[in-house]
Amino acid sequence: MSLLLRPARTTDAGTLGGILAGFAARAPWMPELHSGAETIAFCGRMIDAGWVTVAEEAGAVCGFLAREGSFVHALYLAPEATGQGFGRALLDAAKAETPELRLRTFEANSDARRFYRREGFREVGAGSGADNDEGLPDVEMLWRRGEGLR
């Protein structure tokens, strides 16, 4: 694995939007609320805010993590990049920069919940879906340095 983690560039918005839209299209429980252009624009706003780190292998972006302070807004990988340590590398880089990370993931996203638990997060709250655009129940998860498995 020749992994490079780097700050996202404006020109990455299309690739990141494709990764994000692809996830939504593959998740049968996820409503498709946004067009491809809207998803790319959303990724562009996160990049412009300075929140996004991308994982790149052999010159190709294969995933990203968007973090505002201690809150992780997004962690997504291209389907061919899953299970190769890219998500862990992105998360480890974020953990190195802050003593605590918080995030919300959808209750239905059992793969993400399992991944985060494996990475030392614990579930600390739940929502009905009233506070997210998708209207789906979600789970708040927390990692603190010195707690958990890692």
N, C-alpha and C. Protein backbone atom coordinates (compact mmCIF):
# COMPACT_ATOMS: atom_id res chain seq x y z
N MET A 1 0.85 -1.18 0.00
CA MET A 1 0.00 0.00 0.00
C MET A 1 0.89 1.24 0.00
N SER A 2 0.75 2.07 -1.01
CA SER A 2 1.49 3.33 -1.09
C SER A 2 0.52 4.47 -0.81
N LEU A 3 0.06 4.54 0.40
CA LEU A 3 -0.97 5.49 0.79
C LEU A 3 -0.39 6.86 1.07
N LEU A 4 -1.05 7.88 0.56
CA LEU A 4 -0.73 9.27 0.85
C LEU A 4 -1.97 9.92 1.41
N LEU A 5 -1.83 10.55 2.57
CA LEU A 5 -2.90 11.37 3.13
C LEU A 5 -2.52 12.82 2.90
N ARG A 6 -3.46 13.61 2.39
CA ARG A 6 -3.17 15.01 2.11
C ARG A 6 -4.44 15.83 2.24
N PRO A 7 -4.27 17.14 2.44
CA PRO A 7 -5.46 18.01 2.44
C PRO A 7 -6.13 17.96 1.07
N ALA A 8 -7.44 17.98 1.07
CA ALA A 8 -8.18 17.98 -0.19
C ALA A 8 -7.97 19.30 -0.92
N ARG A 9 -8.01 19.21 -2.23
CA ARG A 9 -7.93 20.38 -3.10
C ARG A 9 -9.31 20.60 -3.73
N THR A 10 -9.57 21.80 -4.14
CA THR A 10 -10.84 22.13 -4.79
C THR A 10 -11.12 21.17 -5.94
N THR A 11 -10.10 20.78 -6.66
CA THR A 11 -10.28 19.88 -7.80
C THR A 11 -10.66 18.46 -7.39
N ASP A 12 -10.63 18.14 -6.11
CA ASP A 12 -11.05 16.83 -5.62
C ASP A 12 -12.56 16.73 -5.43
N ALA A 13 -13.28 17.85 -5.49
CA ALA A 13 -14.71 17.85 -5.15
C ALA A 13 -15.51 16.85 -5.99
N GLY A 14 -15.22 16.77 -7.26
CA GLY A 14 -15.96 15.83 -8.12
C GLY A 14 -15.74 14.38 -7.72
N THR A 15 -14.50 14.03 -7.42
CA THR A 15 -14.20 12.66 -7.00
C THR A 15 -14.87 12.35 -5.66
N LEU A 16 -14.77 13.28 -4.71
CA LEU A 16 -15.38 13.07 -3.41
C LEU A 16 -16.90 12.98 -3.53
N GLY A 17 -17.47 13.83 -4.35
CA GLY A 17 -18.91 13.76 -4.60
C GLY A 17 -19.33 12.42 -5.18
N GLY A 18 -18.50 11.88 -6.07
CA GLY A 18 -18.78 10.56 -6.65
C GLY A 18 -18.73 9.46 -5.61
N ILE A 19 -17.75 9.54 -4.70
CA ILE A 19 -17.65 8.55 -3.62
C ILE A 19 -18.88 8.62 -2.72
N LEU A 20 -19.26 9.83 -2.35
CA LEU A 20 -20.40 10.03 -1.45
C LEU A 20 -21.71 9.60 -2.12
N ALA A 21 -21.93 10.01 -3.35
CA ALA A 21 -23.15 9.63 -4.07
C ALA A 21 -23.19 8.13 -4.31
N GLY A 22 -22.04 7.54 -4.57
CA GLY A 22 -21.98 6.08 -4.78
C GLY A 22 -22.39 5.32 -3.54
N PHE A 23 -21.95 5.81 -2.38
CA PHE A 23 -22.36 5.16 -1.13
C PHE A 23 -23.88 5.20 -1.00
N ALA A 24 -24.47 6.38 -1.21
CA ALA A 24 -25.92 6.53 -1.07
C ALA A 24 -26.66 5.62 -2.04
N ALA A 25 -26.14 5.48 -3.24
CA ALA A 25 -26.80 4.63 -4.24
C ALA A 25 -26.71 3.15 -3.88
N ARG A 26 -25.64 2.74 -3.19
CA ARG A 26 -25.47 1.32 -2.83
C ARG A 26 -26.18 0.94 -1.53
N ALA A 27 -26.58 1.92 -0.73
CA ALA A 27 -27.23 1.65 0.55
C ALA A 27 -28.74 1.66 0.34
N PRO A 28 -29.39 0.49 0.36
CA PRO A 28 -30.82 0.45 0.04
C PRO A 28 -31.69 1.21 1.04
N TRP A 29 -31.19 1.45 2.23
CA TRP A 29 -31.95 2.16 3.26
C TRP A 29 -31.78 3.68 3.18
N MET A 30 -30.86 4.15 2.33
CA MET A 30 -30.54 5.58 2.26
C MET A 30 -31.39 6.26 1.18
N PRO A 31 -32.19 7.25 1.56
CA PRO A 31 -32.94 7.99 0.54
C PRO A 31 -31.99 8.85 -0.30
N GLU A 32 -32.26 8.95 -1.58
CA GLU A 32 -31.44 9.81 -2.44
C GLU A 32 -32.11 11.18 -2.49
N LEU A 33 -31.54 12.11 -1.74
CA LEU A 33 -32.13 13.43 -1.59
C LEU A 33 -31.49 14.50 -2.46
N HIS A 34 -30.25 14.23 -2.93
CA HIS A 34 -29.49 15.27 -3.60
C HIS A 34 -29.01 14.80 -4.97
N SER A 35 -28.95 15.72 -5.89
CA SER A 35 -28.42 15.42 -7.22
C SER A 35 -26.90 15.28 -7.13
N GLY A 36 -26.31 14.75 -8.17
CA GLY A 36 -24.85 14.65 -8.21
C GLY A 36 -24.19 16.01 -8.08
N ALA A 37 -24.75 17.01 -8.73
CA ALA A 37 -24.19 18.37 -8.65
C ALA A 37 -24.27 18.91 -7.23
N GLU A 38 -25.38 18.66 -6.55
CA GLU A 38 -25.51 19.11 -5.16
C GLU A 38 -24.51 18.41 -4.24
N THR A 39 -24.28 17.13 -4.48
CA THR A 39 -23.33 16.38 -3.66
C THR A 39 -21.92 16.89 -3.88
N ILE A 40 -21.56 17.18 -5.13
CA ILE A 40 -20.24 17.73 -5.43
C ILE A 40 -20.09 19.11 -4.77
N ALA A 41 -21.13 19.93 -4.85
CA ALA A 41 -21.08 21.26 -4.23
C ALA A 41 -20.91 21.14 -2.71
N PHE A 42 -21.60 20.19 -2.10
CA PHE A 42 -21.46 19.95 -0.66
C PHE A 42 -20.01 19.58 -0.33
N CYS A 43 -19.43 18.69 -1.11
CA CYS A 43 -18.02 18.32 -0.88
C CYS A 43 -17.11 19.53 -1.08
N GLY A 44 -17.41 20.35 -2.07
CA GLY A 44 -16.63 21.57 -2.29
C GLY A 44 -16.68 22.51 -1.10
N ARG A 45 -17.84 22.63 -0.47
CA ARG A 45 -17.95 23.49 0.71
C ARG A 45 -17.12 22.94 1.87
N MET A 46 -17.13 21.61 2.05
CA MET A 46 -16.30 21.03 3.12
C MET A 46 -14.82 21.24 2.83
N ILE A 47 -14.43 21.11 1.57
CA ILE A 47 -13.03 21.34 1.19
C ILE A 47 -12.67 22.80 1.45
N ASP A 48 -13.52 23.73 1.00
CA ASP A 48 -13.25 25.16 1.20
C ASP A 48 -13.13 25.53 2.67
N ALA A 49 -13.86 24.82 3.54
CA ALA A 49 -13.79 25.06 4.97
C ALA A 49 -12.51 24.51 5.59
N GLY A 50 -11.75 23.72 4.82
CA GLY A 50 -10.50 23.15 5.33
C GLY A 50 -10.69 21.90 6.16
N TRP A 51 -11.83 21.24 6.02
CA TRP A 51 -12.15 20.08 6.84
C TRP A 51 -11.64 18.75 6.29
N VAL A 52 -11.28 18.68 5.02
CA VAL A 52 -11.17 17.38 4.34
C VAL A 52 -9.72 16.93 4.14
N THR A 53 -9.48 15.68 4.53
CA THR A 53 -8.24 14.97 4.23
C THR A 53 -8.60 13.84 3.29
N VAL A 54 -7.83 13.66 2.24
CA VAL A 54 -8.08 12.56 1.32
C VAL A 54 -7.02 11.49 1.47
N ALA A 55 -7.42 10.27 1.16
CA ALA A 55 -6.50 9.14 1.06
C ALA A 55 -6.29 8.91 -0.42
N GLU A 56 -5.04 8.85 -0.80
CA GLU A 56 -4.69 8.70 -2.21
C GLU A 56 -3.73 7.52 -2.35
N GLU A 57 -3.99 6.68 -3.32
CA GLU A 57 -3.08 5.58 -3.62
C GLU A 57 -2.80 5.59 -5.11
N ALA A 58 -1.53 5.53 -5.44
CA ALA A 58 -1.09 5.54 -6.84
C ALA A 58 -1.71 6.71 -7.61
N GLY A 59 -1.80 7.86 -6.95
CA GLY A 59 -2.30 9.06 -7.60
C GLY A 59 -3.81 9.18 -7.68
N ALA A 60 -4.53 8.20 -7.17
CA ALA A 60 -5.99 8.22 -7.24
C ALA A 60 -6.59 8.39 -5.84
N VAL A 61 -7.53 9.31 -5.70
CA VAL A 61 -8.22 9.49 -4.43
C VAL A 61 -9.15 8.30 -4.22
N CYS A 62 -9.00 7.66 -3.06
CA CYS A 62 -9.81 6.47 -2.78
C CYS A 62 -10.68 6.64 -1.54
N GLY A 63 -10.60 7.78 -0.87
CA GLY A 63 -11.45 8.02 0.28
C GLY A 63 -11.17 9.37 0.89
N PHE A 64 -12.03 9.74 1.85
CA PHE A 64 -11.83 11.04 2.51
C PHE A 64 -12.46 11.05 3.89
N LEU A 65 -11.95 11.94 4.72
CA LEU A 65 -12.50 12.22 6.03
C LEU A 65 -12.66 13.72 6.13
N ALA A 66 -13.85 14.17 6.55
CA ALA A 66 -14.12 15.59 6.77
C ALA A 66 -14.34 15.79 8.26
N ARG A 67 -13.52 16.68 8.85
CA ARG A 67 -13.56 16.89 10.30
C ARG A 67 -13.51 18.38 10.59
N GLU A 68 -14.45 18.81 11.43
CA GLU A 68 -14.46 20.18 11.93
C GLU A 68 -14.16 20.10 13.42
N GLY A 69 -12.94 20.46 13.81
CA GLY A 69 -12.53 20.31 15.20
C GLY A 69 -12.57 18.85 15.59
N SER A 70 -13.36 18.53 16.60
CA SER A 70 -13.44 17.14 17.05
C SER A 70 -14.61 16.39 16.42
N PHE A 71 -15.39 17.05 15.56
CA PHE A 71 -16.55 16.39 14.97
C PHE A 71 -16.25 15.89 13.56
N VAL A 72 -16.42 14.59 13.36
CA VAL A 72 -16.23 13.98 12.04
C VAL A 72 -17.55 14.06 11.29
N HIS A 73 -17.56 14.86 10.24
CA HIS A 73 -18.77 15.02 9.42
C HIS A 73 -18.94 13.86 8.44
N ALA A 74 -17.82 13.32 7.96
CA ALA A 74 -17.91 12.30 6.93
C ALA A 74 -16.63 11.48 6.88
N LEU A 75 -16.78 10.19 6.66
CA LEU A 75 -15.67 9.29 6.35
C LEU A 75 -16.21 8.28 5.35
N TYR A 76 -15.75 8.39 4.11
CA TYR A 76 -16.22 7.54 3.03
C TYR A 76 -15.06 7.06 2.19
N LEU A 77 -15.20 5.83 1.70
CA LEU A 77 -14.21 5.22 0.82
C LEU A 77 -14.87 4.77 -0.47
N ALA A 78 -14.10 4.76 -1.54
CA ALA A 78 -14.57 4.13 -2.77
C ALA A 78 -14.74 2.64 -2.48
N PRO A 79 -15.69 1.98 -3.12
CA PRO A 79 -15.95 0.57 -2.79
C PRO A 79 -14.73 -0.33 -2.93
N GLU A 80 -13.91 -0.08 -3.92
CA GLU A 80 -12.72 -0.92 -4.12
C GLU A 80 -11.63 -0.66 -3.08
N ALA A 81 -11.79 0.39 -2.28
CA ALA A 81 -10.79 0.73 -1.26
C ALA A 81 -11.13 0.20 0.12
N THR A 82 -12.32 -0.35 0.29
CA THR A 82 -12.71 -0.84 1.61
C THR A 82 -11.90 -2.07 1.99
N GLY A 83 -11.67 -2.19 3.28
CA GLY A 83 -10.95 -3.36 3.80
C GLY A 83 -9.45 -3.34 3.58
N GLN A 84 -8.91 -2.21 3.16
CA GLN A 84 -7.47 -2.13 2.88
C GLN A 84 -6.72 -1.23 3.86
N GLY A 85 -7.39 -0.74 4.88
CA GLY A 85 -6.74 0.08 5.89
C GLY A 85 -6.79 1.58 5.63
N PHE A 86 -7.46 2.01 4.55
CA PHE A 86 -7.52 3.44 4.24
C PHE A 86 -8.38 4.19 5.25
N GLY A 87 -9.52 3.62 5.61
CA GLY A 87 -10.39 4.26 6.61
C GLY A 87 -9.69 4.38 7.94
N ARG A 88 -9.01 3.34 8.35
CA ARG A 88 -8.26 3.37 9.61
C ARG A 88 -7.16 4.43 9.55
N ALA A 89 -6.46 4.52 8.43
CA ALA A 89 -5.39 5.52 8.30
C ALA A 89 -5.95 6.94 8.41
N LEU A 90 -7.07 7.20 7.75
CA LEU A 90 -7.70 8.52 7.86
C LEU A 90 -8.12 8.81 9.29
N LEU A 91 -8.71 7.84 9.93
CA LEU A 91 -9.16 8.01 11.31
C LEU A 91 -7.98 8.19 12.26
N ASP A 92 -6.92 7.40 12.08
CA ASP A 92 -5.73 7.53 12.93
C ASP A 92 -5.10 8.92 12.80
N ALA A 93 -5.09 9.46 11.58
CA ALA A 93 -4.54 10.81 11.39
C ALA A 93 -5.38 11.83 12.15
N ALA A 94 -6.70 11.67 12.12
CA ALA A 94 -7.58 12.59 12.86
C ALA A 94 -7.37 12.42 14.37
N LYS A 95 -7.23 11.18 14.83
CA LYS A 95 -7.00 10.92 16.25
C LYS A 95 -5.70 11.55 16.73
N ALA A 96 -4.71 11.60 15.87
CA ALA A 96 -3.41 12.18 16.24
C ALA A 96 -3.50 13.68 16.46
N GLU A 97 -4.53 14.32 15.91
CA GLU A 97 -4.65 15.77 15.98
C GLU A 97 -5.58 16.28 17.07
N THR A 98 -6.31 15.39 17.72
CA THR A 98 -7.27 15.84 18.73
C THR A 98 -7.46 14.74 19.78
N PRO A 99 -7.71 15.10 21.03
CA PRO A 99 -7.87 14.08 22.07
C PRO A 99 -9.24 13.40 22.07
N GLU A 100 -10.17 13.91 21.25
CA GLU A 100 -11.52 13.37 21.23
C GLU A 100 -12.11 13.52 19.83
N LEU A 101 -12.85 12.53 19.41
CA LEU A 101 -13.61 12.60 18.16
C LEU A 101 -15.05 12.18 18.41
N ARG A 102 -15.95 12.91 17.80
CA ARG A 102 -17.38 12.58 17.86
C ARG A 102 -17.89 12.46 16.43
N LEU A 103 -18.92 11.66 16.26
CA LEU A 103 -19.56 11.54 14.96
C LEU A 103 -20.95 10.98 15.14
N ARG A 104 -21.71 11.07 14.08
CA ARG A 104 -23.03 10.44 14.03
C ARG A 104 -23.02 9.54 12.79
N THR A 105 -23.58 8.37 12.95
CA THR A 105 -23.74 7.46 11.82
C THR A 105 -25.16 6.92 11.86
N PHE A 106 -25.66 6.52 10.73
CA PHE A 106 -27.02 6.02 10.70
C PHE A 106 -27.10 4.67 11.40
N GLU A 107 -28.18 4.49 12.14
CA GLU A 107 -28.41 3.23 12.85
C GLU A 107 -28.36 2.05 11.88
N ALA A 108 -28.88 2.24 10.68
CA ALA A 108 -28.92 1.17 9.68
C ALA A 108 -27.55 0.84 9.11
N ASN A 109 -26.57 1.69 9.30
CA ASN A 109 -25.24 1.48 8.73
C ASN A 109 -24.41 0.59 9.67
N SER A 110 -24.74 -0.67 9.71
CA SER A 110 -24.10 -1.61 10.63
C SER A 110 -22.61 -1.76 10.35
N ASP A 111 -22.20 -1.68 9.09
CA ASP A 111 -20.77 -1.78 8.77
C ASP A 111 -19.99 -0.64 9.39
N ALA A 112 -20.51 0.57 9.29
CA ALA A 112 -19.83 1.74 9.87
C ALA A 112 -19.79 1.62 11.39
N ARG A 113 -20.89 1.24 11.98
CA ARG A 113 -20.92 1.12 13.44
C ARG A 113 -19.91 0.09 13.93
N ARG A 114 -19.82 -1.03 13.23
CA ARG A 114 -18.84 -2.07 13.58
C ARG A 114 -17.41 -1.54 13.43
N PHE A 115 -17.15 -0.84 12.33
CA PHE A 115 -15.82 -0.26 12.09
C PHE A 115 -15.44 0.70 13.21
N TYR A 116 -16.34 1.62 13.54
CA TYR A 116 -16.02 2.60 14.58
C TYR A 116 -15.81 1.95 15.94
N ARG A 117 -16.63 0.96 16.27
CA ARG A 117 -16.41 0.25 17.55
C ARG A 117 -15.05 -0.43 17.55
N ARG A 118 -14.68 -1.03 16.45
CA ARG A 118 -13.36 -1.67 16.35
C ARG A 118 -12.24 -0.64 16.52
N GLU A 119 -12.50 0.59 16.14
CA GLU A 119 -11.49 1.66 16.22
C GLU A 119 -11.55 2.43 17.54
N GLY A 120 -12.28 1.89 18.52
CA GLY A 120 -12.28 2.46 19.86
C GLY A 120 -13.40 3.43 20.17
N PHE A 121 -14.36 3.60 19.27
CA PHE A 121 -15.50 4.47 19.54
C PHE A 121 -16.53 3.69 20.35
N ARG A 122 -17.32 4.45 21.11
CA ARG A 122 -18.44 3.84 21.82
C ARG A 122 -19.69 4.67 21.52
N GLU A 123 -20.81 4.00 21.54
CA GLU A 123 -22.08 4.67 21.29
C GLU A 123 -22.50 5.41 22.55
N VAL A 124 -22.81 6.71 22.38
CA VAL A 124 -23.15 7.54 23.54
C VAL A 124 -24.51 8.20 23.42
N GLY A 125 -25.19 8.00 22.33
CA GLY A 125 -26.50 8.60 22.16
C GLY A 125 -27.17 8.10 20.91
N ALA A 126 -28.44 8.39 20.79
CA ALA A 126 -29.21 7.98 19.61
C ALA A 126 -30.20 9.07 19.27
N GLY A 127 -30.49 9.18 17.98
CA GLY A 127 -31.47 10.14 17.51
C GLY A 127 -32.55 9.47 16.70
N SER A 128 -33.69 10.09 16.64
CA SER A 128 -34.86 9.52 15.94
C SER A 128 -34.81 9.76 14.44
N GLY A 129 -33.94 10.67 13.99
CA GLY A 129 -33.90 11.07 12.60
C GLY A 129 -34.49 12.45 12.39
N ALA A 130 -35.09 13.01 13.43
CA ALA A 130 -35.69 14.35 13.32
C ALA A 130 -34.64 15.43 13.07
N ASP A 131 -33.38 15.15 13.43
CA ASP A 131 -32.32 16.15 13.30
C ASP A 131 -31.42 15.95 12.09
N ASN A 132 -31.76 15.05 11.18
CA ASN A 132 -30.94 14.91 9.97
C ASN A 132 -31.82 14.99 8.73
N ASP A 133 -31.21 15.36 7.62
CA ASP A 133 -31.96 15.56 6.37
C ASP A 133 -32.66 14.29 5.90
N GLU A 134 -32.04 13.15 6.16
CA GLU A 134 -32.57 11.89 5.66
C GLU A 134 -33.76 11.36 6.45
N GLY A 135 -33.94 11.87 7.68
CA GLY A 135 -35.03 11.40 8.53
C GLY A 135 -34.81 10.00 9.06
N LEU A 136 -33.54 9.57 9.12
CA LEU A 136 -33.21 8.21 9.56
C LEU A 136 -32.67 8.22 10.98
N PRO A 137 -33.04 7.23 11.79
CA PRO A 137 -32.44 7.12 13.13
C PRO A 137 -30.93 7.05 13.02
N ASP A 138 -30.26 7.73 13.95
CA ASP A 138 -28.80 7.72 13.94
C ASP A 138 -28.25 7.49 15.34
N VAL A 139 -26.94 7.26 15.39
CA VAL A 139 -26.25 6.94 16.63
C VAL A 139 -25.08 7.90 16.77
N GLU A 140 -24.93 8.50 17.94
CA GLU A 140 -23.76 9.33 18.22
C GLU A 140 -22.68 8.45 18.81
N MET A 141 -21.45 8.61 18.31
CA MET A 141 -20.33 7.81 18.77
C MET A 141 -19.19 8.73 19.21
N LEU A 142 -18.42 8.26 20.20
CA LEU A 142 -17.36 9.06 20.80
C LEU A 142 -16.10 8.21 20.93
N TRP A 143 -14.97 8.83 20.61
CA TRP A 143 -13.65 8.26 20.88
C TRP A 143 -12.90 9.27 21.72
N ARG A 144 -12.23 8.79 22.76
CA ARG A 144 -11.34 9.63 23.56
C ARG A 144 -10.01 8.92 23.68
N ARG A 145 -8.96 9.69 23.51
CA ARG A 145 -7.60 9.15 23.65
C ARG A 145 -7.50 8.48 25.03
N GLY A 146 -6.94 7.30 25.04
CA GLY A 146 -6.76 6.56 26.30
C GLY A 146 -7.92 5.66 26.67
N GLU A 147 -9.04 5.79 25.95
CA GLU A 147 -10.19 4.90 26.19
C GLU A 147 -10.29 3.89 25.06
N GLY A 148 -11.02 2.84 25.27
CA GLY A 148 -11.33 1.91 24.20
C GLY A 148 -10.23 0.91 23.93
N LEU A 149 -10.31 0.31 22.74
CA LEU A 149 -9.44 -0.80 22.37
C LEU A 149 -8.09 -0.37 21.88
N ARG A 150 -7.99 0.84 21.27
CA ARG A 150 -6.73 1.24 20.66
C ARG A 150 -6.16 2.43 21.35
